[in-house]
Every structure is written in C-alpha cells, then in structure tokens.
Protein backbone atom coordinates (compact mmCIF):
# COMPACT_ATOMS: atom_id res chain seq x y z
CA UNK A 1 60.21 82.16 156.37
CA UNK A 2 61.01 83.05 152.81
CA UNK A 3 59.27 85.54 150.66
CA UNK A 4 58.51 83.79 147.34
CA UNK A 5 58.60 87.05 145.30
CA UNK A 6 62.42 87.32 146.24
CA UNK A 7 63.19 83.67 145.34
CA UNK A 8 63.60 81.87 141.69
CA UNK A 9 61.76 79.07 140.50
CA UNK A 10 64.97 76.99 140.88
CA UNK A 11 65.70 78.22 144.39
CA UNK A 12 62.28 77.40 145.57
CA UNK A 13 62.78 73.95 144.04
CA UNK A 14 65.84 73.59 146.11
CA UNK A 15 64.63 75.05 149.30
CA UNK A 16 61.67 72.79 149.18
CA UNK A 17 63.58 69.37 148.76
CA UNK A 18 65.78 70.25 151.38
CA UNK A 19 62.64 71.57 153.87
CA UNK A 20 59.81 69.16 152.83
CA UNK A 21 60.24 67.20 155.90
CA UNK A 22 59.95 70.03 158.35
CA UNK A 23 56.41 68.77 159.13
CA UNK A 24 57.14 65.13 159.24
CA UNK A 25 59.90 65.64 161.81
CA UNK A 26 57.71 67.39 164.40
CA UNK A 27 57.26 64.01 166.17
CA UNK A 28 61.23 63.74 166.42
CA UNK A 29 61.32 67.09 167.82
CA UNK A 30 59.04 65.84 170.45
CA UNK A 31 61.57 63.19 171.25
CA UNK A 32 64.69 64.93 171.16
CA UNK A 33 63.07 67.64 172.94
CA UNK A 34 62.85 65.36 176.09
CA UNK A 35 66.39 64.44 175.84
CA UNK A 36 67.78 68.06 175.63
CA UNK A 37 69.18 67.37 172.27
CA UNK A 38 69.02 70.13 169.56
CA UNK A 39 65.93 69.71 167.32
CA UNK A 40 66.37 68.65 163.98
CA UNK A 41 63.79 71.07 162.32
CA UNK A 42 66.22 73.99 163.41
CA UNK A 43 68.89 72.03 161.35
CA UNK A 44 66.97 72.06 158.44
CA UNK A 45 65.76 75.72 158.90
CA UNK A 46 69.48 76.67 159.45
CA UNK A 47 70.74 75.00 156.19
CA UNK A 48 67.79 76.38 154.24
CA UNK A 49 68.83 79.97 155.37
CA UNK A 50 72.47 79.31 154.78
CA UNK A 51 72.04 77.99 151.14
CA UNK A 52 69.40 81.09 150.31
CA UNK A 53 72.48 83.31 151.90
CA UNK A 54 75.18 81.42 149.61
CA UNK A 55 72.61 81.98 146.69
CA UNK A 56 71.94 85.88 147.37
CA UNK A 57 75.84 86.21 147.69
CA UNK A 58 76.70 84.91 144.07
CA UNK A 59 73.67 87.19 142.78
CA UNK A 60 74.94 90.20 144.21
CA UNK A 61 78.53 89.07 142.81
CA UNK A 62 77.25 88.52 139.51
CA UNK A 63 75.30 91.57 139.38
CA UNK A 64 78.04 93.73 140.43
CA UNK A 65 80.25 92.39 137.70
CA UNK A 66 78.01 93.25 135.06
CA UNK A 67 77.67 97.19 136.89
CA UNK A 68 78.89 100.17 135.05
CA UNK A 69 81.71 102.10 136.43
CA UNK A 70 79.53 104.72 137.84
CA UNK A 71 76.95 102.00 139.53
CA UNK A 72 80.18 100.19 140.82
CA UNK A 73 81.02 103.53 142.34
CA UNK A 74 77.47 104.09 144.46
CA UNK A 75 77.94 100.26 145.19
CA UNK A 76 81.20 99.97 146.54
CA UNK A 77 82.70 103.47 146.76
CA UNK A 78 85.30 102.38 144.14
CA UNK A 79 86.60 105.07 141.78
CA UNK A 80 86.50 104.21 138.42
CA UNK A 81 90.39 103.98 137.69
CA UNK A 82 90.31 101.60 134.48
CA UNK A 83 87.44 104.13 133.01
CA UNK A 84 89.97 107.19 133.54
CA UNK A 85 92.64 104.92 132.48
CA UNK A 86 91.20 104.10 128.86
CA UNK A 87 90.05 107.76 128.60
CA UNK A 88 93.81 109.18 129.05
CA UNK A 89 94.89 105.99 127.24
CA UNK A 90 93.04 107.05 124.11
CA UNK A 91 94.30 110.61 124.18
CA UNK A 92 97.92 109.82 124.57
CA UNK A 93 97.66 107.05 121.87
CA UNK A 94 95.77 109.29 119.30
CA UNK A 95 98.97 111.85 119.99
CA UNK A 96 101.32 109.08 119.41
CA UNK A 97 99.54 107.99 116.09
CA UNK A 98 99.38 111.46 114.63
CA UNK A 99 102.74 112.02 115.45
CA UNK A 100 104.16 109.19 113.68
CA UNK A 101 101.72 109.48 110.89
CA UNK A 102 103.35 112.95 110.33
CA UNK A 103 106.64 111.32 110.07
CA UNK A 104 105.87 108.46 108.16
CA UNK A 105 104.05 110.87 105.53
CA UNK A 106 107.24 112.56 105.05
CA UNK A 107 109.17 109.32 104.57
CA UNK A 108 106.35 108.12 101.87
CA UNK A 109 106.26 112.00 100.08
CA UNK A 110 110.22 111.35 99.97
CA UNK A 111 110.00 108.21 98.30
CA UNK A 112 107.42 108.86 95.80
CA UNK A 113 109.07 111.90 94.56
CA UNK A 114 112.48 109.80 94.27
CA UNK A 115 110.72 107.61 91.81
CA UNK A 116 109.27 110.19 90.12
CA UNK A 117 112.59 111.88 89.54
CA UNK A 118 114.13 108.58 88.54
CA UNK A 119 111.66 108.16 85.66
CA UNK A 120 112.13 111.78 84.41
CA UNK A 121 116.01 111.26 84.73
CA UNK A 122 116.50 107.71 83.21
CA UNK A 123 113.41 107.45 80.99
CA UNK A 124 113.72 109.21 77.48
CA UNK A 125 110.93 111.80 76.92
CA UNK A 126 108.80 110.50 79.97
CA UNK A 127 105.79 112.13 80.54
CA UNK A 128 103.67 111.94 84.01
CA UNK A 129 101.03 109.60 83.86
CA UNK A 130 102.49 107.63 80.57
CA UNK A 131 103.52 104.46 82.22
CA UNK A 132 100.54 102.59 80.91
CA UNK A 133 101.70 103.44 77.39
CA UNK A 134 105.57 103.62 77.82
CA UNK A 135 106.94 101.42 75.00
CA UNK A 136 109.04 101.21 72.33
CA UNK A 137 108.33 99.29 68.90
CA UNK A 138 111.56 99.50 66.78
CA UNK A 139 114.95 98.23 67.51
CA UNK A 140 116.59 101.47 67.16
CA UNK A 141 114.31 102.68 69.89
CA UNK A 142 115.34 99.83 72.41
CA UNK A 143 119.04 100.73 71.64
CA UNK A 144 118.43 104.30 71.89
CA UNK A 145 116.62 104.07 75.44
CA UNK A 146 119.48 101.95 76.92
CA UNK A 147 122.04 104.51 75.60
CA UNK A 148 119.93 107.52 77.22
CA UNK A 149 119.98 105.49 80.27
CA UNK A 150 123.74 104.87 80.47
CA UNK A 151 124.32 108.42 79.82
CA UNK A 152 121.91 110.16 82.12
CA UNK A 153 123.65 107.69 85.03
CA UNK A 154 127.13 108.74 83.80
CA UNK A 155 126.23 112.58 84.15
CA UNK A 156 124.16 112.23 87.15
CA UNK A 157 126.23 114.78 89.37
CA UNK A 158 125.50 117.48 86.56
CA UNK A 159 121.65 116.85 86.04
CA UNK A 160 120.04 116.14 88.90
CA UNK A 161 118.89 119.01 91.36
CA UNK A 162 119.05 116.49 94.29
CA UNK A 163 121.67 115.21 96.85
CA UNK A 164 121.68 112.07 94.79
CA UNK A 165 125.20 110.08 94.95
CA UNK A 166 126.59 106.69 93.46
CA UNK A 167 127.20 103.90 95.67
CA UNK A 168 130.60 103.06 96.68
CA UNK A 169 132.10 99.42 97.51
CA UNK A 170 135.13 100.50 99.24
CA UNK A 171 137.05 103.00 97.43
CA UNK A 172 135.25 102.05 93.87
CA UNK A 173 131.81 102.91 92.54
CA UNK A 174 129.19 100.36 92.15
CA UNK A 175 128.94 99.43 88.67
CA UNK A 176 125.28 99.59 86.33
CA UNK A 177 124.29 96.22 85.54
CA UNK A 178 122.76 95.16 81.76
CA UNK A 179 121.36 91.82 81.97
CA UNK A 180 119.52 90.33 78.97
CA UNK A 181 117.55 87.19 79.53
CA UNK A 182 117.07 85.24 76.14
CA UNK A 183 115.82 81.75 75.15
CA UNK A 184 118.88 79.51 74.62
CA UNK A 185 118.10 78.62 71.07
CA UNK A 186 115.56 79.33 68.72
CA UNK A 187 114.66 79.41 65.27
CA UNK A 188 111.06 81.38 64.46
CA UNK A 189 109.48 81.83 60.77
CA UNK A 190 106.30 83.15 61.26
CA UNK A 191 105.76 82.99 57.25
CA UNK A 192 106.28 79.43 57.35
CA UNK A 193 104.31 78.87 60.56
CA UNK A 194 107.38 77.14 61.80
CA UNK A 195 109.53 77.42 64.96
CA UNK A 196 111.58 75.29 66.96
CA UNK A 197 112.66 77.11 70.49
CA UNK A 198 114.50 75.70 73.39
CA UNK A 199 112.78 76.90 76.58
CA UNK A 200 115.87 76.97 79.03
CA UNK A 201 116.05 80.85 79.63
CA UNK A 202 119.78 82.05 79.61
CA UNK A 203 120.92 85.54 81.06
CA UNK A 204 123.82 87.55 80.05
CA UNK A 205 124.89 90.10 82.40
CA UNK A 206 127.41 93.20 81.80
CA UNK A 207 128.82 95.53 84.12
CA UNK A 208 129.23 99.15 82.98
CA UNK A 209 130.88 102.00 84.56
CA UNK A 210 129.18 104.96 82.92
CA UNK A 211 131.48 107.82 85.01
CA UNK A 212 134.58 106.30 82.55
CA UNK A 213 132.45 105.11 79.74
CA UNK A 214 129.58 107.51 79.50
CA UNK A 215 127.72 106.21 76.37
CA UNK A 216 126.70 102.36 75.35
CA UNK A 217 128.88 102.47 72.38
CA UNK A 218 131.90 103.37 74.22
CA UNK A 219 130.80 100.89 77.02
CA UNK A 220 129.86 98.19 75.34
CA UNK A 221 131.02 98.17 71.60
CA UNK A 222 129.80 94.87 70.84
CA UNK A 223 126.35 94.76 72.88
CA UNK A 224 123.56 92.77 70.76
CA UNK A 225 119.84 92.52 71.76
CA UNK A 226 118.37 88.93 70.40
CA UNK A 227 115.11 90.40 69.94
CA UNK A 228 113.46 87.10 68.56
CA UNK A 229 114.79 85.13 71.56
CA UNK A 230 114.65 88.13 73.80
CA UNK A 231 112.65 88.12 76.98
CA UNK A 232 113.79 91.16 78.89
CA UNK A 233 116.20 93.37 79.48
CA UNK A 234 116.99 94.75 83.07
CA UNK A 235 119.02 97.51 83.95
CA UNK A 236 119.85 97.93 87.66
CA UNK A 237 121.94 100.17 89.76
CA UNK A 238 122.12 101.97 93.11
CA UNK A 239 121.89 105.49 93.98
CA UNK A 240 122.02 107.02 97.77
CA UNK A 241 119.98 110.22 99.10
CA UNK A 242 119.31 111.93 102.51
CA UNK A 243 115.92 112.83 103.63
CA UNK A 244 116.66 116.42 105.15
CA UNK A 245 113.45 117.49 105.58
CA UNK A 246 113.10 115.68 109.25
CA UNK A 247 115.53 118.14 110.57
CA UNK A 248 113.01 120.74 110.90
CA UNK A 249 110.81 118.24 112.47
CA UNK A 250 113.28 117.27 115.47
CA UNK A 251 113.95 114.10 114.05
CA UNK A 252 117.33 112.60 112.68
CA UNK A 253 117.75 112.37 108.86
CA UNK A 254 117.53 108.72 107.32
CA UNK A 255 120.03 107.44 104.74
CA UNK A 256 118.53 105.97 101.72
CA UNK A 257 119.57 103.37 99.26
CA UNK A 258 117.63 103.24 96.18
CA UNK A 259 117.78 100.33 93.94
CA UNK A 260 116.50 101.14 90.45
CA UNK A 261 115.28 98.46 88.34
CA UNK A 262 114.19 99.35 84.60
CA UNK A 263 112.91 96.78 82.73
CA UNK A 264 112.19 96.13 79.13
CA UNK A 265 109.58 93.47 78.87
CA UNK A 266 109.51 91.48 75.58
CA UNK A 267 107.92 88.20 77.01
CA UNK A 268 104.87 88.49 74.59
CA UNK A 269 106.81 89.13 71.70
CA UNK A 270 104.15 90.90 70.22
CA UNK A 271 106.28 93.89 68.64
CA UNK A 272 105.81 96.00 71.89
CA UNK A 273 108.26 96.04 74.22
CA UNK A 274 106.72 97.75 77.52
CA UNK A 275 109.57 99.57 79.83
CA UNK A 276 108.92 99.84 83.67
CA UNK A 277 110.59 101.68 86.25
CA UNK A 278 110.58 100.47 89.92
CA UNK A 279 112.91 100.95 92.98
CA UNK A 280 113.60 99.03 96.16
CA UNK A 281 114.38 101.38 99.54
CA UNK A 282 116.42 100.58 102.11
CA UNK A 283 116.67 102.82 104.75
CA UNK A 284 119.67 102.98 107.02
CA UNK A 285 121.17 105.07 109.79
CA UNK A 286 123.72 107.82 108.89
CA UNK A 287 127.12 106.72 110.12
CA UNK A 288 128.33 110.20 110.73
CA UNK A 289 126.16 113.20 111.60
CA UNK A 290 126.06 116.39 112.91
CA UNK A 291 123.19 118.54 113.52
CA UNK A 292 123.87 121.92 114.76
CA UNK A 293 120.88 124.70 115.75
CA UNK A 294 118.67 121.97 117.03
CA UNK A 295 118.57 120.29 120.42
CA UNK A 296 118.66 116.57 120.72
CA UNK A 297 116.58 116.76 123.92
CA UNK A 298 113.03 117.02 121.97
CA UNK A 299 114.04 113.40 120.09
CA UNK A 300 114.67 111.97 123.91
CA UNK A 301 111.37 113.56 125.02
CA UNK A 302 109.59 111.21 122.14
CA UNK A 303 110.85 108.35 123.34
CA UNK A 304 109.68 108.99 126.84
CA UNK A 305 106.26 109.83 125.65
CA UNK A 306 106.41 106.34 123.77
CA UNK A 307 107.73 104.85 127.34
CA UNK A 308 104.89 106.11 128.97
CA UNK A 309 102.48 104.99 126.52
CA UNK A 310 103.88 101.46 126.91
CA UNK A 311 103.56 101.56 130.79
CA UNK A 312 99.95 102.79 130.60
CA UNK A 313 99.07 99.92 128.01
CA UNK A 314 100.80 97.39 130.21
CA UNK A 315 98.63 98.67 133.22
CA UNK A 316 95.52 98.54 131.20
CA UNK A 317 96.43 94.99 129.98
CA UNK A 318 96.66 94.15 133.50
CA UNK A 319 93.85 95.35 134.86
CA UNK A 320 91.57 93.95 131.78
CA UNK A 321 93.35 90.58 132.22
CA UNK A 322 92.26 90.82 135.68
CA UNK A 323 88.93 91.46 134.83
CA UNK A 324 88.46 88.81 132.54
CA UNK A 325 89.97 86.21 134.96
CA UNK A 326 87.17 87.52 137.46
CA UNK A 327 84.55 86.92 135.05
CA UNK A 328 85.61 83.42 134.38
CA UNK A 329 85.82 82.54 137.93
CA UNK A 330 82.14 84.10 138.25
CA UNK A 331 80.94 82.17 135.21
CA UNK A 332 82.62 78.60 136.93
CA UNK A 333 80.70 79.48 140.23
CA UNK A 334 77.55 79.89 138.13
CA UNK A 335 77.79 76.71 136.24
CA UNK A 336 78.59 75.14 139.42
CA UNK A 337 75.50 76.21 141.26
CA UNK A 338 73.07 75.59 138.27
CA UNK A 339 74.59 71.98 138.03
CA UNK A 340 74.71 71.25 141.39
CA UNK A 341 71.61 73.06 142.95
CA UNK A 342 69.08 72.92 139.97
CA UNK A 343 70.37 70.21 137.98
CA UNK A 344 70.54 72.32 134.97
CA UNK A 345 73.54 72.92 132.15
CA UNK A 346 74.03 76.36 131.45
CA UNK A 347 73.74 77.33 127.87
CA UNK A 348 76.54 78.83 125.68
CA UNK A 349 75.00 82.00 125.44
CA UNK A 350 74.76 82.70 129.26
CA UNK A 351 78.55 81.31 129.61
CA UNK A 352 79.48 83.77 126.95
CA UNK A 353 78.03 86.69 128.84
CA UNK A 354 80.69 86.57 131.58
CA UNK A 355 83.31 86.79 128.63
CA UNK A 356 83.42 90.50 128.23
CA UNK A 357 84.44 90.91 124.48
CA UNK A 358 85.33 94.58 125.15
CA UNK A 359 88.16 93.42 127.58
CA UNK A 360 89.52 91.44 124.88
CA UNK A 361 89.44 93.91 122.37
CA UNK A 362 91.48 95.97 124.81
CA UNK A 363 94.01 93.65 125.81
CA UNK A 364 94.64 93.02 122.15
CA UNK A 365 94.79 96.65 121.38
CA UNK A 366 97.28 97.00 124.09
CA UNK A 367 99.63 94.22 123.01
CA UNK A 368 99.51 95.74 119.36
CA UNK A 369 100.19 98.97 120.89
CA UNK A 370 102.94 98.16 123.14
CA UNK A 371 104.71 96.23 120.00
CA UNK A 372 104.40 99.36 118.06
CA UNK A 373 105.76 101.78 120.38
CA UNK A 374 108.85 99.72 120.86
CA UNK A 375 109.37 99.54 117.13
CA UNK A 376 108.69 103.35 117.25
CA UNK A 377 111.39 103.72 119.92
CA UNK A 378 113.66 101.88 117.68
CA UNK A 379 112.54 104.00 114.52
CA UNK A 380 113.39 107.49 116.78
CA UNK A 381 116.75 105.83 117.62
CA UNK A 382 117.71 104.65 114.25
CA UNK A 383 118.00 101.11 115.49
CA UNK A 384 115.38 99.59 112.96
CA UNK A 385 113.95 101.44 109.84
CA UNK A 386 110.55 99.27 109.13
CA UNK A 387 108.07 102.00 109.22
CA UNK A 388 105.66 99.56 107.56
CA UNK A 389 105.62 97.02 110.11
CA UNK A 390 105.31 99.92 112.97
CA UNK A 391 102.33 101.48 110.97
CA UNK A 392 100.21 98.39 110.89
CA UNK A 393 100.89 97.60 114.93
CA UNK A 394 100.35 101.30 115.90
CA UNK A 395 97.40 101.63 113.26
CA UNK A 396 95.54 98.47 114.10
CA UNK A 397 96.05 99.13 117.84
CA UNK A 398 94.51 102.84 117.92
CA UNK A 399 91.59 101.47 115.72
CA UNK A 400 90.60 99.00 118.60
CA UNK A 401 91.07 101.69 121.23
CA UNK A 402 88.66 103.79 119.31
CA UNK A 403 86.33 101.32 118.78
CA UNK A 404 86.48 100.22 122.58
CA UNK A 405 85.00 103.75 122.87
CA UNK A 406 81.98 102.77 121.97
CA UNK A 407 81.61 100.47 125.07
CA UNK A 408 80.96 103.52 127.23
CA UNK A 409 78.13 104.75 124.83
CA UNK A 410 76.59 101.64 125.53
CA UNK A 411 76.16 102.76 129.13
CA UNK A 412 73.39 104.95 128.15
CA UNK A 413 70.14 103.27 126.92
CA UNK A 414 69.94 104.83 123.81
CA UNK A 415 73.04 104.31 122.50
CA UNK A 416 73.12 100.50 123.68
CA UNK A 417 70.88 99.58 121.04
CA UNK A 418 73.23 99.46 118.31
CA UNK A 419 75.76 97.37 120.43
CA UNK A 420 73.02 94.85 121.08
CA UNK A 421 71.97 95.04 117.56
CA UNK A 422 75.46 94.25 116.42
CA UNK A 423 76.12 91.63 118.47
CA UNK A 424 72.72 89.90 118.56
CA UNK A 425 72.70 90.00 114.33
CA UNK A 426 76.30 88.85 113.95
CA UNK A 427 75.94 85.27 113.77
CA UNK A 428 73.21 85.78 111.22
CA UNK A 429 74.80 87.92 109.02
CA UNK A 430 78.19 85.65 109.15
CA UNK A 431 75.67 82.53 107.92
CA UNK A 432 74.31 85.11 105.45
CA UNK A 433 77.54 86.15 104.16
CA UNK A 434 78.92 82.47 103.47
CA UNK A 435 75.74 81.67 101.41
CA UNK A 436 75.96 84.85 99.72
CA UNK A 437 79.99 84.58 99.28
CA UNK A 438 79.40 81.20 97.37
CA UNK A 439 76.98 83.20 94.84
CA UNK A 440 79.34 85.70 94.37
CA UNK A 441 82.71 83.53 93.83
CA UNK A 442 80.76 81.95 91.09
CA UNK A 443 80.05 84.99 89.14
CA UNK A 444 83.59 85.81 89.83
CA UNK A 445 84.92 82.65 88.01
CA UNK A 446 82.49 82.91 85.31
CA UNK A 447 82.98 86.41 84.48
CA UNK A 448 86.49 85.84 84.81
CA UNK A 449 86.88 83.12 82.23
CA UNK A 450 84.51 84.49 79.80
CA UNK A 451 84.85 88.32 79.82
CA UNK A 452 88.20 88.65 80.56
CA UNK A 453 89.58 88.57 76.82
CA UNK A 454 86.93 91.04 75.96
CA UNK A 455 86.94 93.46 78.96
CA UNK A 456 89.56 95.17 81.09
CA UNK A 457 87.84 95.27 84.40
CA UNK A 458 87.58 91.00 84.18
CA UNK A 459 91.22 90.07 83.47
CA UNK A 460 92.22 89.01 86.54
CA UNK A 461 90.02 87.56 89.35
CA UNK A 462 91.34 90.62 91.41
CA UNK A 463 89.90 92.99 89.30
CA UNK A 464 86.62 90.95 88.67
CA UNK A 465 86.05 91.06 92.31
CA UNK A 466 86.78 94.90 92.77
CA UNK A 467 84.43 95.29 89.89
CA UNK A 468 81.45 93.47 91.11
CA UNK A 469 81.58 94.80 94.44
CA UNK A 470 81.48 98.29 92.82
CA UNK A 471 78.39 97.05 90.98
CA UNK A 472 76.95 95.98 94.19
CA UNK A 473 77.20 99.56 95.73
CA UNK A 474 76.05 101.27 92.44
CA UNK A 475 79.62 102.51 91.45
CA UNK A 476 80.98 102.57 87.63
CA UNK A 477 78.05 100.86 86.41
CA UNK A 478 77.73 102.45 82.83
CA UNK A 479 81.34 102.41 82.04
CA UNK A 480 80.91 98.60 82.99
CA UNK A 481 78.42 98.03 80.49
CA UNK A 482 80.07 100.24 78.06
CA UNK A 483 83.74 99.02 77.66
CA UNK A 484 82.54 95.71 76.82
CA UNK A 485 84.03 95.16 73.48
CA UNK A 486 81.71 93.94 70.58
CA UNK A 487 84.26 91.75 68.84
CA UNK A 488 82.14 88.75 69.47
CA UNK A 489 78.27 88.61 69.26
CA UNK A 490 77.85 85.81 71.35
CA UNK A 491 80.09 87.15 74.15
CA UNK A 492 78.34 90.71 74.05
CA UNK A 493 74.90 88.91 74.16
CA UNK A 494 76.15 86.72 77.25
CA UNK A 495 77.65 89.91 79.29
CA UNK A 496 74.60 91.40 79.01
CA UNK A 497 72.59 88.31 80.54
CA UNK A 498 75.67 88.17 83.30
CA UNK A 499 75.66 91.71 84.23
CA UNK A 500 71.79 92.45 84.27
CA UNK A 501 71.29 89.06 86.58
CA UNK A 502 74.19 89.86 88.67
CA UNK A 503 72.79 93.25 89.54
CA UNK A 504 69.03 92.11 89.86
CA UNK A 505 70.31 89.45 92.00
CA UNK A 506 72.77 91.29 94.41
CA UNK A 507 70.89 94.80 94.63
CA UNK A 508 67.36 93.77 94.40
CA UNK A 509 67.62 90.62 96.62
CA UNK A 510 70.38 89.31 98.29
CA UNK A 511 71.27 93.17 99.66
CA UNK A 512 67.44 93.86 100.74
CA UNK A 513 67.62 90.51 102.54
CA UNK A 514 71.07 91.62 104.02
CA UNK A 515 69.24 94.68 105.40
CA UNK A 516 66.06 92.86 106.68
CA UNK A 517 68.03 90.74 109.11
CA UNK A 518 69.52 93.96 110.36
CA UNK A 519 66.02 95.44 110.96
CA UNK A 520 64.63 92.27 112.41
CA UNK A 521 67.14 92.21 114.82
CA UNK A 522 67.11 95.87 115.60
CA UNK A 523 63.10 95.57 116.08
CA UNK A 524 63.43 92.57 118.49
CA UNK A 525 66.17 94.39 120.71
CA UNK A 526 64.03 97.52 120.71
CA UNK A 527 60.93 95.27 121.77
CA UNK A 528 62.82 93.62 124.63
CA UNK A 529 64.30 97.12 126.01
CA UNK A 530 60.70 98.10 126.05
CA UNK A 531 59.02 95.01 127.96
CA UNK A 532 62.02 94.82 130.22
CA UNK A 533 61.47 91.26 130.70
CA UNK A 534 64.62 89.09 130.95
CA UNK A 535 65.32 87.04 127.97
CA UNK A 536 67.64 84.41 129.41
CA UNK A 537 68.39 82.11 132.45
CA UNK A 538 71.06 84.16 133.50
CA UNK A 539 68.87 87.36 133.46
CA UNK A 540 66.17 85.79 135.05
CA UNK A 541 68.36 84.70 137.76
CA UNK A 542 69.76 88.23 138.14
CA UNK A 543 66.52 89.89 138.07
CA UNK A 544 65.55 88.42 141.52
CA UNK A 545 67.89 90.79 143.25
CA UNK A 546 66.13 94.42 143.54
CA UNK A 547 69.06 95.96 145.57
CA UNK A 548 70.06 99.33 144.28
CA UNK A 549 73.85 100.19 143.77
CA UNK A 550 73.54 102.62 146.63
CA UNK A 551 71.67 100.35 148.66
CA UNK A 552 74.92 99.44 150.49
CA UNK A 553 73.83 95.51 150.05
CA UNK A 554 76.89 95.30 147.79
CA UNK A 555 79.48 96.26 150.32
CA UNK A 556 79.14 92.89 152.24
CA UNK A 557 80.58 91.26 149.02
CA UNK A 558 83.71 93.44 149.18
CA UNK A 559 86.77 91.08 150.33
CA UNK A 560 84.75 87.86 150.19
CA UNK A 561 82.47 89.48 152.89
CA UNK A 562 79.80 86.91 152.00
CA UNK A 563 82.33 83.86 153.19
CA UNK A 564 83.10 86.28 156.16
CA UNK A 565 79.66 86.47 156.99
CA UNK A 566 78.78 82.79 156.61
CA UNK A 567 81.80 82.04 158.77
CA UNK A 568 80.61 84.12 161.59
CA UNK A 569 76.62 82.95 161.38
CA UNK A 570 78.44 79.34 161.81
CA UNK A 571 80.26 80.02 164.60
CA UNK A 572 77.45 81.67 166.59
CA UNK A 573 74.96 78.73 165.72
CA UNK A 574 77.53 76.53 167.00
CA UNK A 575 77.85 78.48 170.15
CA UNK A 576 74.29 78.49 170.80
CA UNK A 577 74.20 74.71 170.62
CA UNK A 578 76.86 74.08 173.23
CA UNK A 579 74.99 76.70 175.39
CA UNK A 580 71.68 74.45 174.96
CA UNK A 581 73.28 71.44 175.36
CA UNK A 582 75.06 72.74 178.66
C-alpha cells in the first residue's frame, strides 16, 4: 500500500490510526458482500490514500515556496520576473541616487563656502580654523568687533566678491538687529566675596540700518555693554544669494536666504567672551527667472525617470507583498495540518521560516524609495527644498536595496553560509550586547563624572561614549592616556586604573567572547551543511519529498491543481460506487 521510506513518522501515525481496523473489518466485508453493498475496507483505503495525497500536495507547495527563482523556473516554467525586476530596480535606483547625490553635493558646498565667506567678512582678523580660540578679552575689543561687523555689513556691496544682497521688506531693507541679554539687576564685588543678583534675564534689542549709519558710533551713539551682568550679545541679519552653479548641470538655480547670527557668549563671566558665527539656510524657489542656452527638456526627463522608478517600486512592492501573503497562507495550512493530523504545535522557529525577511526588507526599501522619489520630484520642480529629508529616504532605501543583493548570493551554497550564520547568531548577539552595554554605560557615567573636569574627551556623555568606543577599537589610545591633566594625584591614579581596566575588560574579554559567539555559530552551520541532516520539524517534513524541480510533479500544484485532482478522483470513486450498486 504505502512505502514507509516516503512517509514521515507523523503521517505513519495518522495512517495507522485511520487504517488500524482494516483487518478487523474483514467479517463485515463478507456480510456487506452478500448484500451487494460497498465494502467498508475500500472506504478506509480511499480515505487513507486521499489523506496522503493532501499531505503530498501540501509538501510540494511548501517546497516550491522555498525554491530559488531558477528552481521555480524548472519546476513550473515560470520566468523569474521578480528577480529581473529587482536587478533592474537596483540599477536605476543607484543611478537616481548618484544623480541626486551630485546635486545635493553642490548645495552643501554652496552652504559651506558661504559660511566661510561670512566668517572672513564679518569677524575681525579671522583665520581659517580659529573658531575654537576666537574670543575677546578686553572691553575695547568687544566694541571694536561689533563696530567691525556693522561697518562690513554696511559696505557689503563694495567688499564681497559673491552675489550677496540685503533682504528687502517691501521697498525697505531689513535692518541688522543687535540684542543684548543681561541680568536685570546685579551688584558684584569679587574682592569682598559678595554679590547680589536678580536671575531674571532682560533683552535689549536695537535695529541698525548700516547703509545709512555705517558705524556703531553713528548708529548707536549711546550703546553700552553691561559686562558684569551681560550674558550675550547677538547680532542677526539676513543676506540673500543665488546658487548659479546648478545651471551647468541642467538644473534650475535655487534662491537662498542666509540668516547670519554672530554671538558674543559671556555666560561664564570668566573674562573671555567667545565669538561664534552660525547661519540658518532657507532655500526658496526663485520667483522670476530666465535661462537661455539650455533646454528645459532635460529637467523633465529627470522627472520622468523618477516617475519610472516610482512605478518600478510599486510593482516590486506588490509582488513582494503577494509573496508574503502566500507564505502566511502556507504557514496557516502547515500549522492546521500539524495540529489536526499530528496533534503538535508548530514552534515559532518553523513559523518564522514562512516569513521571508528579504521580502520585508524589499517592501521597506520600496516604501522609502517611493517617498524619496516623490520628494525629489518636488525638489526638481522647486515645490519643496527639503534636501535633508529626501536624502534620508533615498539613502536608506538604496542601502536596503543593496543589502538585498545578498539574498541572491545566498542561492549559492558557499555564500549562503554567511547569511545563515548572521541569522542564527543574531539572537545570541543581541543578548550579549545588552549585557555588555550595561557595563559600557557604567564606565561612561563614571568617566564623565570623575574625569570630565580633567580631560577634554570626558567633558560630556557623548564625547565619553565616543572616546571609549574608540578605545575598544584600538584607536587614539596614547593621546587618551597622555592628555590627562595631573592637577590631582588621586584623580590621575584613578584614571589609570579606570582606563587599564576598561581596555583589558572590553578588548581581551568581552570582544573575544563576542567573536567566539560568531565563530561557534559559523562552525555549527558549517557542520549542518556538511551533514545534510534536517535540523527542524519543517525540514524533516519537507525532506520526505524527493521530487526534483524538473521532475514535473510540481506542475500539478499550479492553479490549485491538487484540489482539482482530488475533486476528479472523488467524482470517479462516486461513479464507481453507483455502477457497483446498479
């Protein structure tokens, strides 16, 4: 009846339970045989064979689901359209990203060069790379620097080599604003160790029109800085410019609004007023423009190319979503079979086998790319100017697309071991990182509070974390030890114990254990591949099916062929019974 080598233990158990009464029913066969009634043992036999057909159909469907595109082509003759679509998508998305990256690079370069220009124009005696030490220490220098800023702003047309212009509010130029923040009242006598201070901060702002008053004395003859109570002086003004370099790259120029903020920081009241210049950039669509010598057709071709990418990603999204749904349906069928026929609960590890993580990754990357492409089209047509948001979506989407290439490398047995190792080691790695992260945070907090006053790399939690992470990777070790100030012998000794224990613990122990986890997982996966033995209930279930992809057996499952085949068999059996009764 049934070949034992082709039926799993679970199926044998199910068949045995259903067919155990076949010999005992021989007497009934004699009785029914005399009354010309259908024999009972034939019903049992048909039921057993029908159950085996259902199981074999389910097994082929699941095995077909886990085949690679080439095997599916040999199994059912279906061309790997999804594979071809993914390869085409990788190529066009990469071209899109490179094009947008070159455009974004021009924007970033324009911003950085303007920031450097403003520092040279408005900061007195500025030298490149001197912002960390750019400060004033005398009252006369503070007034002199403010006067220099106002003078340079008033003579901007005569000194700048760029296309900078003042902002206009109607027909009037926007004024330069000088705001001084200081405590409301304060009486400070350091010689007597006494002070009286009102912590409420007041702000005094005045507007200066430097084109009409090109100096501090002319604009604000009664301007005075309250140095003992002063917290800061902020000088703010707006300049406009146009980025013309995009014209040569077949793109419409953008109009920029640079809000320049020069801050004299005196919050520490240490006798050193630090000066910093920052600018906020707003990119706007130019209202009236005309470009000759270049065709606008190239701009529209770029927009059409982005639309093509959106259509491609929507198609890829639909195909991958359909595959995820099919996998979920197969998982339900397999779970239902194991629960009803074998009385077993399917473990989560086997259930997750039906959820293809690569399809999920492709769906996420398609969603990000679609959003990024829409933003890119709006940027190309000057509806939006959010380069940063568009960069995040396009960059992340392209990263996921290229990571998805590893999936196709996994079809080769020698390359698949990397994917299997990463997947198998992931849970252990996460648990290990959680435990190691607790120790890492404890060192961060300790180093910040103890070594922060004596070492620049431990001043903030962010710099502490960066410094310790560099030490784990063996970077910047000697400067970290050397730059520790020896003002306190106790803290200096503590720093040595702290650094030596951290390096020894993380490099020689924790990092070695982390590598051991990966190595053990790699050896386990390699042994499993060499032995070829199934390692899960699902693999044992599928290992019974020995049909090769080109055997033609899988073509019966196409378009629910198993279901139709069962219906035809049942119809034939019913006809045979009617014939025998007649």
